[in-house]
N, C-alpha and C. Protein backbone atom coordinates (compact mmCIF):
# COMPACT_ATOMS: atom_id res chain seq x y z
N MET A 1 21.43 -26.71 5.95
CA MET A 1 20.32 -25.71 4.76
C MET A 1 21.21 -24.45 3.78
N THR A 2 20.43 -24.75 2.68
CA THR A 2 20.86 -23.94 1.44
C THR A 2 20.71 -22.47 1.91
N CYS A 3 21.53 -21.69 1.54
CA CYS A 3 21.32 -20.26 1.45
C CYS A 3 20.08 -19.86 1.04
N GLY A 4 19.24 -20.38 -0.02
CA GLY A 4 18.15 -20.25 -0.76
C GLY A 4 17.06 -20.57 0.42
N VAL A 5 17.02 -21.35 1.25
CA VAL A 5 15.66 -21.84 2.19
C VAL A 5 16.29 -20.78 3.10
N PHE A 6 17.40 -20.12 3.79
CA PHE A 6 17.69 -18.97 4.58
C PHE A 6 17.33 -18.03 4.15
N LEU A 7 17.70 -17.59 3.04
CA LEU A 7 16.43 -16.25 2.83
C LEU A 7 14.92 -16.55 2.89
N LEU A 8 14.54 -17.55 2.33
CA LEU A 8 13.16 -17.62 2.33
C LEU A 8 12.57 -17.32 3.74
N LEU A 9 13.24 -17.93 4.62
CA LEU A 9 12.73 -17.88 6.27
C LEU A 9 12.87 -16.53 6.64
N LEU A 10 14.08 -15.93 6.20
CA LEU A 10 13.80 -14.25 6.84
C LEU A 10 12.72 -13.32 6.01
N VAL A 11 12.69 -14.29 4.86
CA VAL A 11 11.44 -13.05 3.97
C VAL A 11 10.46 -13.63 4.63
N LEU A 12 9.80 -14.57 5.02
CA LEU A 12 8.85 -15.10 5.64
C LEU A 12 8.23 -14.42 6.85
N ASN A 13 9.68 -14.66 7.78
CA ASN A 13 9.76 -14.05 9.04
C ASN A 13 9.36 -12.81 9.01
N GLN A 14 9.61 -11.87 8.28
CA GLN A 14 9.31 -10.61 8.35
C GLN A 14 7.98 -10.65 7.57
N ALA A 15 7.31 -11.23 6.88
CA ALA A 15 5.92 -11.32 5.90
C ALA A 15 5.35 -11.48 6.68
N PHE A 16 4.95 -12.62 7.74
CA PHE A 16 4.29 -13.34 8.98
C PHE A 16 4.44 -12.28 10.29
N ASP A 17 5.24 -11.69 10.27
CA ASP A 17 5.11 -10.82 11.57
C ASP A 17 3.73 -9.96 11.59
N ARG A 18 3.31 -10.07 12.75
CA ARG A 18 2.13 -9.25 12.61
C ARG A 18 2.27 -8.38 14.14
N SER A 19 3.10 -8.76 15.05
CA SER A 19 3.00 -8.24 16.31
C SER A 19 3.96 -6.46 16.24
N ALA A 20 3.30 -5.67 16.99
CA ALA A 20 4.00 -3.92 17.08
C ALA A 20 5.44 -4.09 16.99
N PRO A 21 6.12 -3.13 16.43
CA PRO A 21 7.22 -3.51 17.18
C PRO A 21 7.18 -2.26 18.02
N GLU A 22 8.58 -2.09 18.45
CA GLU A 22 8.84 -1.41 19.80
C GLU A 22 9.58 -0.31 18.62
N GLU A 23 9.21 1.00 19.07
CA GLU A 23 9.53 2.46 18.43
C GLU A 23 10.25 3.47 19.10
N HIS A 24 11.58 3.67 18.63
CA HIS A 24 12.80 4.47 19.09
C HIS A 24 13.24 5.76 18.03
N GLU A 25 13.06 7.24 18.68
CA GLU A 25 13.36 7.92 17.63
C GLU A 25 15.04 7.87 18.19
N ALA A 26 15.69 8.52 16.74
CA ALA A 26 17.31 8.18 17.04
C ALA A 26 17.63 9.15 15.93
N ARG A 27 19.01 9.95 16.59
CA ARG A 27 19.27 10.88 15.77
C ARG A 27 20.44 10.49 15.11
N VAL A 28 20.19 10.94 13.80
CA VAL A 28 21.42 10.51 12.56
C VAL A 28 22.57 11.34 12.52
N LEU A 29 23.81 10.19 12.94
CA LEU A 29 25.21 10.89 13.16
C LEU A 29 25.64 10.84 12.03
N LEU A 30 25.76 10.12 10.81
CA LEU A 30 26.48 9.91 10.13
C LEU A 30 25.52 8.90 8.70
N LYS A 31 25.54 9.82 7.67
CA LYS A 31 25.25 8.80 6.02
C LYS A 31 26.51 8.56 5.73
N THR A 32 26.46 7.53 5.29
CA THR A 32 27.79 6.65 4.49
C THR A 32 26.92 5.73 3.13
N THR A 33 27.79 5.65 2.27
CA THR A 33 27.13 4.67 0.82
C THR A 33 28.60 3.92 0.64
N GLY A 34 28.12 2.93 0.24
CA GLY A 34 28.72 1.68 0.09
C GLY A 34 28.29 1.27 -1.66
N SER A 35 29.15 -0.02 -1.74
CA SER A 35 27.99 -1.04 -3.25
C SER A 35 28.39 -2.42 -2.76
N THR A 36 27.46 -2.61 -3.35
CA THR A 36 27.40 -4.40 -3.24
C THR A 36 27.23 -5.03 -4.79
N LEU A 37 27.01 -5.92 -5.09
CA LEU A 37 26.84 -6.96 -6.58
C LEU A 37 25.51 -6.16 -7.08
N LYS A 38 24.40 -6.09 -6.13
CA LYS A 38 23.20 -5.74 -6.31
C LYS A 38 22.68 -3.92 -6.65
N GLY A 39 23.98 -3.17 -6.47
CA GLY A 39 24.30 -1.52 -6.53
C GLY A 39 24.31 -0.94 -5.08
N GLY A 40 24.09 0.07 -4.79
CA GLY A 40 24.24 0.93 -3.56
C GLY A 40 24.21 0.02 -2.14
N ALA A 41 24.36 0.51 -1.79
CA ALA A 41 24.48 0.19 -0.08
C ALA A 41 24.41 1.37 0.96
N TYR A 42 22.97 1.53 1.07
CA TYR A 42 22.88 3.15 2.25
C TYR A 42 23.22 3.02 3.24
N LYS A 43 23.85 3.36 4.38
CA LYS A 43 23.58 3.48 5.61
C LYS A 43 23.12 4.65 6.40
N LEU A 44 22.86 4.38 7.82
CA LEU A 44 22.69 5.57 8.50
C LEU A 44 22.82 5.06 10.02
N HIS A 45 23.68 5.79 10.37
CA HIS A 45 24.92 5.53 11.48
C HIS A 45 23.94 6.25 12.84
N VAL A 46 23.36 6.16 13.71
CA VAL A 46 22.36 6.25 14.30
C VAL A 46 23.01 6.39 16.18
N ALA A 47 22.34 7.02 16.56
CA ALA A 47 22.60 7.34 18.15
C ALA A 47 22.26 6.52 18.76
N SER A 48 22.33 5.63 20.14
CA SER A 48 21.98 4.74 20.38
C SER A 48 20.47 5.01 21.46
N ALA A 49 19.72 4.08 20.80
CA ALA A 49 17.94 4.03 21.02
C ALA A 49 17.15 2.84 21.24
N GLY A 50 16.56 2.68 22.03
CA GLY A 50 15.97 1.69 22.97
C GLY A 50 16.96 0.79 23.41
N PRO A 51 17.21 -0.22 23.02
CA PRO A 51 17.96 -1.17 24.04
C PRO A 51 19.36 -0.95 23.58
N TRP A 52 19.87 -0.65 22.59
CA TRP A 52 21.27 -0.14 22.43
C TRP A 52 21.73 0.75 23.28
N THR A 53 22.86 0.36 23.70
CA THR A 53 23.92 1.11 24.14
C THR A 53 25.12 2.01 23.13
N GLU A 54 25.04 1.32 22.45
CA GLU A 54 26.38 1.90 21.92
C GLU A 54 25.26 2.64 19.95
N PRO A 55 25.74 3.61 19.05
CA PRO A 55 25.97 3.60 18.69
C PRO A 55 25.42 2.88 17.40
N GLN A 56 24.46 2.73 16.29
CA GLN A 56 24.53 1.66 15.57
C GLN A 56 24.11 2.04 13.95
N SER A 57 24.66 1.33 12.94
CA SER A 57 24.69 1.31 11.38
C SER A 57 23.85 0.45 11.00
N LEU A 58 22.58 1.27 10.20
CA LEU A 58 21.99 0.28 10.02
C LEU A 58 21.28 0.96 8.70
N SER A 59 21.11 -0.13 7.78
CA SER A 59 20.37 -0.77 6.12
C SER A 59 19.66 0.10 6.12
N VAL A 60 19.38 1.38 4.88
CA VAL A 60 18.32 2.15 4.87
C VAL A 60 17.98 1.87 3.46
N ASP A 61 17.22 2.40 2.66
CA ASP A 61 16.46 2.45 1.36
C ASP A 61 16.86 3.74 0.80
N GLU A 62 17.11 4.06 -0.45
CA GLU A 62 17.94 5.09 -1.01
C GLU A 62 17.28 6.46 -0.68
N ASP A 63 15.78 6.18 -0.86
CA ASP A 63 14.85 7.60 -0.54
C ASP A 63 15.30 8.11 1.21
N LEU A 64 15.17 7.38 1.48
CA LEU A 64 15.26 7.78 2.78
C LEU A 64 16.89 8.34 2.91
N HIS A 65 17.70 7.83 2.75
CA HIS A 65 18.75 7.94 3.15
C HIS A 65 19.11 9.52 2.21
N ARG A 66 18.93 9.50 0.79
CA ARG A 66 19.03 11.32 0.37
C ARG A 66 17.69 12.23 1.52
N THR A 67 16.75 11.89 1.76
CA THR A 67 16.16 12.49 2.48
C THR A 67 16.22 13.12 4.07
N VAL A 68 17.49 12.48 4.15
CA VAL A 68 17.99 13.21 5.92
C VAL A 68 19.28 13.28 5.92
N GLU A 69 19.54 13.76 6.81
CA GLU A 69 20.81 14.63 7.43
C GLU A 69 21.66 14.38 8.49
N PRO A 70 22.69 14.31 8.57
CA PRO A 70 23.23 14.16 10.09
C PRO A 70 22.58 15.42 11.01
N GLY A 71 22.14 14.86 12.27
CA GLY A 71 21.22 15.99 13.21
C GLY A 71 19.79 15.80 13.04
N ASP A 72 19.38 14.76 12.16
CA ASP A 72 17.72 14.61 11.98
C ASP A 72 17.50 13.44 12.69
N SER A 73 16.22 13.62 13.24
CA SER A 73 15.80 12.09 13.81
C SER A 73 15.31 11.42 13.04
N VAL A 74 15.30 10.16 13.01
CA VAL A 74 14.71 9.27 12.42
C VAL A 74 13.70 8.09 13.10
N CYS A 75 12.78 7.52 12.91
CA CYS A 75 12.34 6.32 13.85
C CYS A 75 13.06 4.73 13.38
N VAL A 76 13.47 4.42 14.39
CA VAL A 76 13.66 3.16 14.57
C VAL A 76 13.42 2.18 14.85
N ARG A 77 12.24 0.87 14.52
CA ARG A 77 11.09 0.32 14.78
C ARG A 77 12.02 -1.05 15.10
N LEU A 78 11.56 -1.67 16.35
CA LEU A 78 12.53 -2.82 16.53
C LEU A 78 11.26 -4.01 16.32
N HIS A 79 11.42 -4.97 15.52
CA HIS A 79 10.55 -6.28 15.36
C HIS A 79 10.93 -7.92 15.94
N PRO A 80 9.95 -8.35 16.58
CA PRO A 80 10.44 -9.25 17.26
C PRO A 80 10.61 -10.62 15.94
N GLY A 81 9.52 -10.44 15.11
CA GLY A 81 9.70 -11.29 14.21
C GLY A 81 8.58 -12.51 13.79
N ALA A 82 8.23 -13.16 13.16
CA ALA A 82 7.06 -14.48 12.82
C ALA A 82 7.87 -15.52 13.90
N PHE A 83 9.11 -15.41 13.38
CA PHE A 83 9.80 -17.12 13.92
C PHE A 83 10.86 -16.33 14.87
N GLY A 84 10.73 -15.57 15.73
CA GLY A 84 11.48 -15.08 16.78
C GLY A 84 13.01 -14.45 16.27
N ALA A 85 13.05 -14.02 14.76
CA ALA A 85 14.49 -13.53 14.32
C ALA A 85 14.30 -11.84 14.19
N PRO A 86 14.42 -11.35 15.69
CA PRO A 86 14.39 -9.98 15.14
C PRO A 86 14.92 -9.53 14.52
N TYR A 87 14.17 -8.15 13.45
CA TYR A 87 14.97 -6.91 12.49
C TYR A 87 14.48 -5.82 12.50
N VAL A 88 14.96 -5.05 12.11
CA VAL A 88 14.83 -3.96 12.17
C VAL A 88 14.05 -3.06 11.24
N THR A 89 13.72 -1.98 11.13
CA THR A 89 13.17 -1.21 9.85
C THR A 89 13.07 0.32 10.66
N VAL A 90 13.54 1.24 9.33
CA VAL A 90 14.13 2.81 9.91
C VAL A 90 13.02 3.68 8.31
N THR A 91 12.34 5.07 9.22
CA THR A 91 11.77 5.86 8.44
C THR A 91 11.61 7.00 9.26
N ARG A 92 11.21 7.87 8.37
CA ARG A 92 11.38 9.40 8.61
C ARG A 92 10.95 9.98 9.76
N SER A 93 9.75 9.40 10.33
CA SER A 93 9.48 9.17 11.15
C SER A 93 8.17 8.34 11.94
N CYS A 94 7.96 7.95 13.73
CA CYS A 94 7.38 7.36 13.71
C CYS A 94 5.77 7.33 13.52
N THR A 95 5.23 8.60 13.15
CA THR A 95 3.90 8.63 12.47
C THR A 95 3.76 7.98 11.26
N GLU A 96 4.48 7.57 10.82
CA GLU A 96 4.46 7.21 9.18
C GLU A 96 4.69 5.53 9.20
N PRO A 97 3.58 4.77 8.66
CA PRO A 97 4.00 3.26 8.77
C PRO A 97 5.15 2.98 8.01
C-alpha cells in the first residue's frame, strides 16, 4: 500500500466517523514544541485519563498549545474511527465541539 493511500484512509477514517467519542478531562503536565518539515510540532503531555494508566503525549494545534499552561485541564476525546482506527482529539474543554 502506498503512503498516499494510507494517508487517504486515515483522513476518511476521521471524516466519516459519526460515533460519539469518549470524553475525559486530563491535566496538562508539560508543553513542548518541536519542528517538522511542515513547521512546528506542538505537544501537550497530559496525566493519565480514561483508559490510559500512564501520562500521554498528544499532538495539538498551535492555538490550543498557546492557550493552555501546565496545571490546566483539557478535554481528551477518544474516537473509535469509521474504519476502526481509533484517534484522539484535544480541546480546551469538553463543552466545546
